[in-house]
All heavy atoms as atom14 arrays in JSON, in Angstrom:
{
  "sequence": "ILFLAFNSSAAPIQRIQGTILEVGEGFLILSPDDKSPSRKFL",
  "atom14_mask": [
    [1, 1, 1, 1, 1, 1, 1, 1, 0, 0, 0, 0, 0, 0],
    [1, 1, 1, 1, 1, 1, 1, 1, 0, 0, 0, 0, 0, 0],
    [1, 1, 1, 1, 1, 1, 1, 1, 1, 1, 1, 0, 0, 0],
    [1, 1, 1, 1, 1, 1, 1, 1, 0, 0, 0, 0, 0, 0],
    [1, 1, 1, 1, 1, 0, 0, 0, 0, 0, 0, 0, 0, 0],
    [1, 1, 1, 1, 1, 1, 1, 1, 1, 1, 1, 0, 0, 0],
    [1, 1, 1, 1, 1, 1, 1, 1, 0, 0, 0, 0, 0, 0],
    [1, 1, 1, 1, 1, 1, 0, 0, 0, 0, 0, 0, 0, 0],
    [1, 1, 1, 1, 1, 1, 0, 0, 0, 0, 0, 0, 0, 0],
    [1, 1, 1, 1, 1, 0, 0, 0, 0, 0, 0, 0, 0, 0],
    [1, 1, 1, 1, 1, 0, 0, 0, 0, 0, 0, 0, 0, 0],
    [1, 1, 1, 1, 1, 1, 1, 0, 0, 0, 0, 0, 0, 0],
    [1, 1, 1, 1, 1, 1, 1, 1, 0, 0, 0, 0, 0, 0],
    [1, 1, 1, 1, 1, 1, 1, 1, 1, 0, 0, 0, 0, 0],
    [1, 1, 1, 1, 1, 1, 1, 1, 1, 1, 1, 0, 0, 0],
    [1, 1, 1, 1, 1, 1, 1, 1, 0, 0, 0, 0, 0, 0],
    [1, 1, 1, 1, 1, 1, 1, 1, 1, 0, 0, 0, 0, 0],
    [1, 1, 1, 1, 0, 0, 0, 0, 0, 0, 0, 0, 0, 0],
    [1, 1, 1, 1, 1, 1, 1, 0, 0, 0, 0, 0, 0, 0],
    [1, 1, 1, 1, 1, 1, 1, 1, 0, 0, 0, 0, 0, 0],
    [1, 1, 1, 1, 1, 1, 1, 1, 0, 0, 0, 0, 0, 0],
    [1, 1, 1, 1, 1, 1, 1, 1, 1, 0, 0, 0, 0, 0],
    [1, 1, 1, 1, 1, 1, 1, 0, 0, 0, 0, 0, 0, 0],
    [1, 1, 1, 1, 0, 0, 0, 0, 0, 0, 0, 0, 0, 0],
    [1, 1, 1, 1, 1, 1, 1, 1, 1, 0, 0, 0, 0, 0],
    [1, 1, 1, 1, 0, 0, 0, 0, 0, 0, 0, 0, 0, 0],
    [1, 1, 1, 1, 1, 1, 1, 1, 1, 1, 1, 0, 0, 0],
    [1, 1, 1, 1, 1, 1, 1, 1, 0, 0, 0, 0, 0, 0],
    [1, 1, 1, 1, 1, 1, 1, 1, 0, 0, 0, 0, 0, 0],
    [1, 1, 1, 1, 1, 1, 1, 1, 0, 0, 0, 0, 0, 0],
    [1, 1, 1, 1, 1, 1, 0, 0, 0, 0, 0, 0, 0, 0],
    [1, 1, 1, 1, 1, 1, 1, 0, 0, 0, 0, 0, 0, 0],
    [1, 1, 1, 1, 1, 1, 1, 1, 0, 0, 0, 0, 0, 0],
    [1, 1, 1, 1, 1, 1, 1, 1, 0, 0, 0, 0, 0, 0],
    [1, 1, 1, 1, 1, 1, 1, 1, 1, 0, 0, 0, 0, 0],
    [1, 1, 1, 1, 1, 1, 0, 0, 0, 0, 0, 0, 0, 0],
    [1, 1, 1, 1, 1, 1, 1, 0, 0, 0, 0, 0, 0, 0],
    [1, 1, 1, 1, 1, 1, 0, 0, 0, 0, 0, 0, 0, 0],
    [1, 1, 1, 1, 1, 1, 1, 1, 1, 1, 1, 0, 0, 0],
    [1, 1, 1, 1, 1, 1, 1, 1, 1, 0, 0, 0, 0, 0],
    [1, 1, 1, 1, 1, 1, 1, 1, 1, 1, 1, 0, 0, 0],
    [1, 1, 1, 1, 1, 1, 1, 1, 0, 0, 0, 0, 0, 0]
  ],
  "atom14_positions": [
    [[0.84, -1.21, 0.0], [0.0, 0.0, 0.0], [0.87, 1.25, 0.0], [0.62, 2.19, -0.77], [-0.97, -0.01, 1.19], [-2.03, -1.09, 0.98], [-1.62, 1.36, 1.38], [-2.91, -1.34, 2.19], [0.0, 0.0, 0.0], [0.0, 0.0, 0.0], [0.0, 0.0, 0.0], [0.0, 0.0, 0.0], [0.0, 0.0, 0.0], [0.0, 0.0, 0.0]],
    [[1.89, 1.28, 0.84], [2.79, 2.44, 0.87], [3.56, 2.59, -0.43], [3.76, 3.7, -0.91], [3.75, 2.33, 2.06], [3.13, 2.5, 3.44], [4.17, 2.25, 4.52], [2.52, 3.89, 3.57], [0.0, 0.0, 0.0], [0.0, 0.0, 0.0], [0.0, 0.0, 0.0], [0.0, 0.0, 0.0], [0.0, 0.0, 0.0], [0.0, 0.0, 0.0]],
    [[4.0, 1.48, -1.01], [4.73, 1.52, -2.28], [3.85, 2.09, -3.39], [4.27, 2.96, -4.16], [5.21, 0.12, -2.65], [5.95, 0.07, -3.95], [7.26, 0.51, -4.02], [5.34, -0.41, -5.09], [7.95, 0.47, -5.22], [6.01, -0.45, -6.3], [7.33, -0.01, -6.36], [0.0, 0.0, 0.0], [0.0, 0.0, 0.0], [0.0, 0.0, 0.0]],
    [[2.61, 1.64, -3.49], [1.69, 2.14, -4.51], [1.36, 3.62, -4.29], [1.26, 4.38, -5.25], [0.42, 1.3, -4.54], [0.59, -0.13, -5.03], [-0.72, -0.9, -4.89], [1.08, -0.16, -6.47], [0.0, 0.0, 0.0], [0.0, 0.0, 0.0], [0.0, 0.0, 0.0], [0.0, 0.0, 0.0], [0.0, 0.0, 0.0], [0.0, 0.0, 0.0]],
    [[1.19, 4.02, -3.05], [0.89, 5.42, -2.75], [2.06, 6.32, -3.13], [1.88, 7.41, -3.67], [0.55, 5.58, -1.27], [0.0, 0.0, 0.0], [0.0, 0.0, 0.0], [0.0, 0.0, 0.0], [0.0, 0.0, 0.0], [0.0, 0.0, 0.0], [0.0, 0.0, 0.0], [0.0, 0.0, 0.0], [0.0, 0.0, 0.0], [0.0, 0.0, 0.0]],
    [[3.27, 5.88, -2.87], [4.46, 6.67, -3.19], [4.65, 6.78, -4.69], [4.93, 7.85, -5.23], [5.71, 6.04, -2.55], [6.97, 6.76, -2.92], [7.27, 7.99, -2.37], [7.85, 6.21, -3.82], [8.43, 8.66, -2.71], [9.02, 6.86, -4.17], [9.3, 8.09, -3.61], [0.0, 0.0, 0.0], [0.0, 0.0, 0.0], [0.0, 0.0, 0.0]],
    [[4.49, 5.69, -5.43], [4.69, 5.71, -6.87], [3.6, 6.48, -7.61], [3.85, 7.03, -8.67], [4.79, 4.29, -7.43], [6.17, 3.72, -7.24], [7.12, 4.45, -6.99], [6.28, 2.42, -7.36], [0.0, 0.0, 0.0], [0.0, 0.0, 0.0], [0.0, 0.0, 0.0], [0.0, 0.0, 0.0], [0.0, 0.0, 0.0], [0.0, 0.0, 0.0]],
    [[2.4, 6.51, -7.1], [1.33, 7.22, -7.78], [1.51, 8.73, -7.69], [0.97, 9.47, -8.49], [-0.02, 6.82, -7.22], [-0.13, 7.24, -5.89], [0.0, 0.0, 0.0], [0.0, 0.0, 0.0], [0.0, 0.0, 0.0], [0.0, 0.0, 0.0], [0.0, 0.0, 0.0], [0.0, 0.0, 0.0], [0.0, 0.0, 0.0], [0.0, 0.0, 0.0]],
    [[2.29, 9.21, -6.72], [2.51, 10.65, -6.58], [3.6, 11.16, -7.52], [3.74, 12.36, -7.7], [2.88, 10.98, -5.13], [4.13, 10.42, -4.81], [0.0, 0.0, 0.0], [0.0, 0.0, 0.0], [0.0, 0.0, 0.0], [0.0, 0.0, 0.0], [0.0, 0.0, 0.0], [0.0, 0.0, 0.0], [0.0, 0.0, 0.0], [0.0, 0.0, 0.0]],
    [[4.37, 10.28, -8.13], [5.41, 10.69, -9.07], [4.76, 11.19, -10.36], [3.76, 10.65, -10.82], [6.34, 9.52, -9.37], [0.0, 0.0, 0.0], [0.0, 0.0, 0.0], [0.0, 0.0, 0.0], [0.0, 0.0, 0.0], [0.0, 0.0, 0.0], [0.0, 0.0, 0.0], [0.0, 0.0, 0.0], [0.0, 0.0, 0.0], [0.0, 0.0, 0.0]],
    [[5.34, 12.24, -10.92], [4.79, 12.82, -12.15], [5.02, 11.86, -13.32], [6.09, 11.28, -13.45], [5.46, 14.15, -12.43], [0.0, 0.0, 0.0], [0.0, 0.0, 0.0], [0.0, 0.0, 0.0], [0.0, 0.0, 0.0], [0.0, 0.0, 0.0], [0.0, 0.0, 0.0], [0.0, 0.0, 0.0], [0.0, 0.0, 0.0], [0.0, 0.0, 0.0]],
    [[4.0, 11.7, -14.17], [4.17, 10.83, -15.34], [4.98, 11.52, -16.43], [5.07, 12.74, -16.48], [2.73, 10.59, -15.8], [2.02, 11.83, -15.38], [2.67, 12.26, -14.09], [0.0, 0.0, 0.0], [0.0, 0.0, 0.0], [0.0, 0.0, 0.0], [0.0, 0.0, 0.0], [0.0, 0.0, 0.0], [0.0, 0.0, 0.0], [0.0, 0.0, 0.0]],
    [[5.57, 10.71, -17.31], [6.27, 11.27, -18.46], [5.21, 11.76, -19.44], [4.25, 11.06, -19.74], [7.19, 10.23, -19.11], [8.35, 9.9, -18.15], [7.72, 10.73, -20.44], [9.32, 8.89, -18.67], [0.0, 0.0, 0.0], [0.0, 0.0, 0.0], [0.0, 0.0, 0.0], [0.0, 0.0, 0.0], [0.0, 0.0, 0.0], [0.0, 0.0, 0.0]],
    [[5.38, 12.99, -19.91], [4.41, 13.61, -20.81], [5.07, 13.88, -22.17], [6.29, 13.87, -22.29], [3.92, 14.92, -20.22], [3.24, 14.72, -18.87], [2.82, 16.05, -18.28], [2.28, 16.9, -18.96], [3.09, 16.2, -16.99], [0.0, 0.0, 0.0], [0.0, 0.0, 0.0], [0.0, 0.0, 0.0], [0.0, 0.0, 0.0], [0.0, 0.0, 0.0]],
    [[4.24, 14.13, -23.19], [4.72, 14.42, -24.54], [4.22, 15.79, -24.97], [3.12, 16.19, -24.63], [4.16, 13.41, -25.55], [4.55, 12.02, -25.32], [3.74, 11.12, -26.23], [4.31, 9.79, -26.19], [4.67, 9.12, -27.27], [4.49, 9.63, -28.46], [5.21, 7.94, -27.16], [0.0, 0.0, 0.0], [0.0, 0.0, 0.0], [0.0, 0.0, 0.0]],
    [[5.06, 16.46, -25.76], [4.65, 17.72, -26.38], [5.38, 17.84, -27.71], [6.53, 17.43, -27.83], [4.93, 18.93, -25.45], [4.29, 20.19, -26.02], [6.42, 19.12, -25.23], [4.24, 21.33, -25.02], [0.0, 0.0, 0.0], [0.0, 0.0, 0.0], [0.0, 0.0, 0.0], [0.0, 0.0, 0.0], [0.0, 0.0, 0.0], [0.0, 0.0, 0.0]],
    [[4.67, 18.35, -28.69], [5.23, 18.48, -30.03], [5.21, 19.94, -30.42], [4.23, 20.65, -30.16], [4.4, 17.66, -31.01], [4.95, 17.59, -32.4], [4.16, 16.61, -33.25], [3.73, 15.58, -32.77], [3.99, 16.95, -34.52], [0.0, 0.0, 0.0], [0.0, 0.0, 0.0], [0.0, 0.0, 0.0], [0.0, 0.0, 0.0], [0.0, 0.0, 0.0]],
    [[6.29, 20.43, -31.04], [6.32, 21.82, -31.46], [7.64, 22.19, -32.1], [8.47, 21.33, -32.44], [0.0, 0.0, 0.0], [0.0, 0.0, 0.0], [0.0, 0.0, 0.0], [0.0, 0.0, 0.0], [0.0, 0.0, 0.0], [0.0, 0.0, 0.0], [0.0, 0.0, 0.0], [0.0, 0.0, 0.0], [0.0, 0.0, 0.0], [0.0, 0.0, 0.0]],
    [[7.85, 23.5, -32.24], [9.03, 24.05, -32.89], [9.9, 24.75, -31.85], [9.39, 25.51, -31.03], [8.62, 25.05, -33.98], [7.75, 24.38, -34.9], [9.83, 25.56, -34.74], [0.0, 0.0, 0.0], [0.0, 0.0, 0.0], [0.0, 0.0, 0.0], [0.0, 0.0, 0.0], [0.0, 0.0, 0.0], [0.0, 0.0, 0.0], [0.0, 0.0, 0.0]],
    [[11.2, 24.52, -31.93], [12.14, 25.14, -31.0], [12.29, 26.62, -31.35], [12.58, 26.97, -32.5], [13.51, 24.44, -31.04], [13.37, 22.99, -30.58], [14.53, 25.2, -30.19], [14.63, 22.17, -30.72], [0.0, 0.0, 0.0], [0.0, 0.0, 0.0], [0.0, 0.0, 0.0], [0.0, 0.0, 0.0], [0.0, 0.0, 0.0], [0.0, 0.0, 0.0]],
    [[12.05, 27.49, -30.37], [12.19, 28.94, -30.57], [13.57, 29.43, -30.15], [14.1, 30.37, -30.75], [11.13, 29.69, -29.78], [9.69, 29.45, -30.17], [8.77, 30.26, -29.26], [9.46, 29.83, -31.62], [0.0, 0.0, 0.0], [0.0, 0.0, 0.0], [0.0, 0.0, 0.0], [0.0, 0.0, 0.0], [0.0, 0.0, 0.0], [0.0, 0.0, 0.0]],
    [[14.11, 28.83, -29.1], [15.4, 29.29, -28.58], [16.09, 28.14, -27.86], [15.44, 27.32, -27.21], [15.16, 30.44, -27.6], [16.42, 31.04, -27.03], [16.14, 32.19, -26.07], [15.02, 32.72, -26.06], [17.07, 32.52, -25.3], [0.0, 0.0, 0.0], [0.0, 0.0, 0.0], [0.0, 0.0, 0.0], [0.0, 0.0, 0.0], [0.0, 0.0, 0.0]],
    [[17.42, 28.08, -28.0], [18.23, 27.1, -27.29], [19.31, 27.86, -26.54], [20.02, 28.67, -27.13], [18.88, 26.1, -28.26], [19.74, 25.1, -27.5], [17.83, 25.38, -29.08], [0.0, 0.0, 0.0], [0.0, 0.0, 0.0], [0.0, 0.0, 0.0], [0.0, 0.0, 0.0], [0.0, 0.0, 0.0], [0.0, 0.0, 0.0], [0.0, 0.0, 0.0]],
    [[19.4, 27.62, -25.25], [20.42, 28.27, -24.43], [21.18, 27.22, -23.64], [20.97, 26.02, -23.8], [0.0, 0.0, 0.0], [0.0, 0.0, 0.0], [0.0, 0.0, 0.0], [0.0, 0.0, 0.0], [0.0, 0.0, 0.0], [0.0, 0.0, 0.0], [0.0, 0.0, 0.0], [0.0, 0.0, 0.0], [0.0, 0.0, 0.0], [0.0, 0.0, 0.0]],
    [[22.05, 27.68, -22.78], [22.84, 26.77, -21.97], [21.97, 26.16, -20.88], [21.59, 26.81, -19.91], [24.02, 27.5, -21.34], [25.0, 26.56, -20.71], [26.28, 27.27, -20.28], [26.69, 28.19, -20.99], [26.81, 26.9, -19.24], [0.0, 0.0, 0.0], [0.0, 0.0, 0.0], [0.0, 0.0, 0.0], [0.0, 0.0, 0.0], [0.0, 0.0, 0.0]],
    [[21.58, 24.9, -21.07], [20.8, 24.19, -20.09], [19.29, 24.34, -20.23], [18.55, 23.85, -19.39], [0.0, 0.0, 0.0], [0.0, 0.0, 0.0], [0.0, 0.0, 0.0], [0.0, 0.0, 0.0], [0.0, 0.0, 0.0], [0.0, 0.0, 0.0], [0.0, 0.0, 0.0], [0.0, 0.0, 0.0], [0.0, 0.0, 0.0], [0.0, 0.0, 0.0]],
    [[18.83, 25.02, -21.28], [17.39, 25.15, -21.46], [17.03, 25.2, -22.94], [17.87, 25.37, -23.81], [16.84, 26.39, -20.75], [17.17, 27.69, -21.43], [16.3, 28.24, -22.35], [18.35, 28.36, -21.16], [16.59, 29.44, -22.99], [18.66, 29.54, -21.79], [17.79, 30.09, -22.71], [0.0, 0.0, 0.0], [0.0, 0.0, 0.0], [0.0, 0.0, 0.0]],
    [[15.73, 25.05, -23.19], [15.18, 25.06, -24.54], [13.77, 25.64, -24.45], [13.03, 25.3, -23.53], [15.16, 23.62, -25.03], [14.58, 23.27, -26.38], [15.41, 22.14, -26.95], [13.16, 22.83, -26.27], [0.0, 0.0, 0.0], [0.0, 0.0, 0.0], [0.0, 0.0, 0.0], [0.0, 0.0, 0.0], [0.0, 0.0, 0.0], [0.0, 0.0, 0.0]],
    [[13.41, 26.55, -25.35], [12.06, 27.11, -25.37], [11.35, 26.58, -26.6], [11.87, 26.65, -27.71], [12.09, 28.65, -25.35], [12.72, 29.13, -24.05], [10.67, 29.22, -25.52], [12.85, 30.61, -23.9], [0.0, 0.0, 0.0], [0.0, 0.0, 0.0], [0.0, 0.0, 0.0], [0.0, 0.0, 0.0], [0.0, 0.0, 0.0], [0.0, 0.0, 0.0]],
    [[10.14, 26.03, -26.38], [9.38, 25.37, -27.43], [8.04, 26.06, -27.64], [7.36, 26.41, -26.68], [9.14, 23.91, -27.04], [8.44, 23.04, -28.07], [9.46, 22.51, -29.05], [7.74, 21.9, -27.4], [0.0, 0.0, 0.0], [0.0, 0.0, 0.0], [0.0, 0.0, 0.0], [0.0, 0.0, 0.0], [0.0, 0.0, 0.0], [0.0, 0.0, 0.0]],
    [[7.66, 26.24, -28.91], [6.33, 26.72, -29.27], [5.49, 25.51, -29.65], [5.7, 24.92, -30.7], [6.42, 27.69, -30.45], [5.14, 28.04, -30.89], [0.0, 0.0, 0.0], [0.0, 0.0, 0.0], [0.0, 0.0, 0.0], [0.0, 0.0, 0.0], [0.0, 0.0, 0.0], [0.0, 0.0, 0.0], [0.0, 0.0, 0.0], [0.0, 0.0, 0.0]],
    [[4.54, 25.09, -28.79], [3.75, 23.89, -29.06], [2.87, 24.02, -30.3], [2.42, 25.11, -30.65], [2.9, 23.73, -27.81], [3.57, 24.55, -26.76], [4.23, 25.67, -27.49], [0.0, 0.0, 0.0], [0.0, 0.0, 0.0], [0.0, 0.0, 0.0], [0.0, 0.0, 0.0], [0.0, 0.0, 0.0], [0.0, 0.0, 0.0], [0.0, 0.0, 0.0]],
    [[2.6, 22.89, -30.95], [1.73, 22.85, -32.13], [0.29, 23.16, -31.79], [-0.47, 23.6, -32.64], [1.8, 21.47, -32.81], [3.11, 21.26, -33.54], [3.85, 22.24, -33.75], [3.39, 20.1, -33.89], [0.0, 0.0, 0.0], [0.0, 0.0, 0.0], [0.0, 0.0, 0.0], [0.0, 0.0, 0.0], [0.0, 0.0, 0.0], [0.0, 0.0, 0.0]],
    [[-0.13, 22.93, -30.54], [-1.53, 23.14, -30.17], [-1.85, 24.6, -29.83], [-2.88, 24.9, -29.27], [-1.92, 22.22, -29.01], [-1.13, 22.51, -27.75], [-0.3, 23.45, -27.74], [-1.33, 21.79, -26.76], [0.0, 0.0, 0.0], [0.0, 0.0, 0.0], [0.0, 0.0, 0.0], [0.0, 0.0, 0.0], [0.0, 0.0, 0.0], [0.0, 0.0, 0.0]],
    [[-0.95, 25.51, -30.18], [-1.15, 26.97, -30.02], [-1.21, 27.41, -28.56], [-1.66, 28.51, -28.28], [-2.39, 27.47, -30.78], [-2.42, 27.09, -32.24], [-1.25, 27.69, -32.98], [-1.35, 27.32, -34.45], [-0.1, 27.31, -35.12], [0.0, 0.0, 0.0], [0.0, 0.0, 0.0], [0.0, 0.0, 0.0], [0.0, 0.0, 0.0], [0.0, 0.0, 0.0]],
    [[-0.79, 26.57, -27.63], [-0.71, 26.99, -26.24], [0.55, 27.86, -26.08], [1.4, 27.89, -26.96], [-0.68, 25.77, -25.31], [0.41, 24.94, -25.62], [0.0, 0.0, 0.0], [0.0, 0.0, 0.0], [0.0, 0.0, 0.0], [0.0, 0.0, 0.0], [0.0, 0.0, 0.0], [0.0, 0.0, 0.0], [0.0, 0.0, 0.0], [0.0, 0.0, 0.0]],
    [[0.69, 28.58, -24.97], [1.86, 29.46, -24.79], [3.18, 28.69, -24.85], [3.24, 27.5, -24.54], [1.65, 30.05, -23.4], [0.22, 29.84, -23.08], [-0.24, 28.65, -23.85], [0.0, 0.0, 0.0], [0.0, 0.0, 0.0], [0.0, 0.0, 0.0], [0.0, 0.0, 0.0], [0.0, 0.0, 0.0], [0.0, 0.0, 0.0], [0.0, 0.0, 0.0]],
    [[4.24, 29.4, -25.22], [5.58, 28.79, -25.28], [5.98, 28.29, -23.91], [5.61, 28.86, -22.89], [6.59, 29.82, -25.77], [6.26, 30.24, -27.07], [0.0, 0.0, 0.0], [0.0, 0.0, 0.0], [0.0, 0.0, 0.0], [0.0, 0.0, 0.0], [0.0, 0.0, 0.0], [0.0, 0.0, 0.0], [0.0, 0.0, 0.0], [0.0, 0.0, 0.0]],
    [[6.77, 27.22, -23.9], [7.22, 26.61, -22.64], [8.72, 26.51, -22.6], [9.36, 26.29, -23.62], [6.65, 25.2, -22.48], [5.16, 25.22, -22.22], [4.68, 23.96, -21.63], [5.37, 23.66, -20.37], [5.16, 22.56, -19.69], [4.31, 21.67, -20.1], [5.8, 22.34, -18.57], [0.0, 0.0, 0.0], [0.0, 0.0, 0.0], [0.0, 0.0, 0.0]],
    [[9.26, 26.65, -21.41], [10.7, 26.49, -21.2], [10.95, 25.1, -20.62], [10.28, 24.69, -19.68], [11.22, 27.56, -20.24], [12.7, 27.5, -20.01], [13.16, 28.65, -19.11], [14.65, 28.62, -18.91], [15.09, 29.76, -18.08], [0.0, 0.0, 0.0], [0.0, 0.0, 0.0], [0.0, 0.0, 0.0], [0.0, 0.0, 0.0], [0.0, 0.0, 0.0]],
    [[11.92, 24.39, -21.19], [12.29, 23.06, -20.74], [13.75, 23.06, -20.32], [14.58, 23.75, -20.92], [12.08, 22.03, -21.86], [10.65, 21.84, -22.23], [10.08, 22.59, -23.25], [9.86, 20.92, -21.57], [8.75, 22.43, -23.59], [8.53, 20.75, -21.91], [7.98, 21.5, -22.91], [0.0, 0.0, 0.0], [0.0, 0.0, 0.0], [0.0, 0.0, 0.0]],
    [[14.07, 22.26, -19.32], [15.44, 22.15, -18.84], [16.14, 20.98, -19.51], [15.59, 19.88, -19.59], [15.45, 21.94, -17.32], [14.76, 23.04, -16.51], [14.71, 22.65, -15.04], [15.48, 24.36, -16.68], [0.0, 0.0, 0.0], [0.0, 0.0, 0.0], [0.0, 0.0, 0.0], [0.0, 0.0, 0.0], [0.0, 0.0, 0.0], [0.0, 0.0, 0.0]]
  ]
}
């Protein structure tokens, strides 16, 4: 029960598709295809 409770709180791996707007040292900014706001990724 404790093992299942701990693992369910971990964030799932997600997918996003889009075009790279900027690449910097240690980060990347992406413009998603679904027209949502740009996101910064580490």
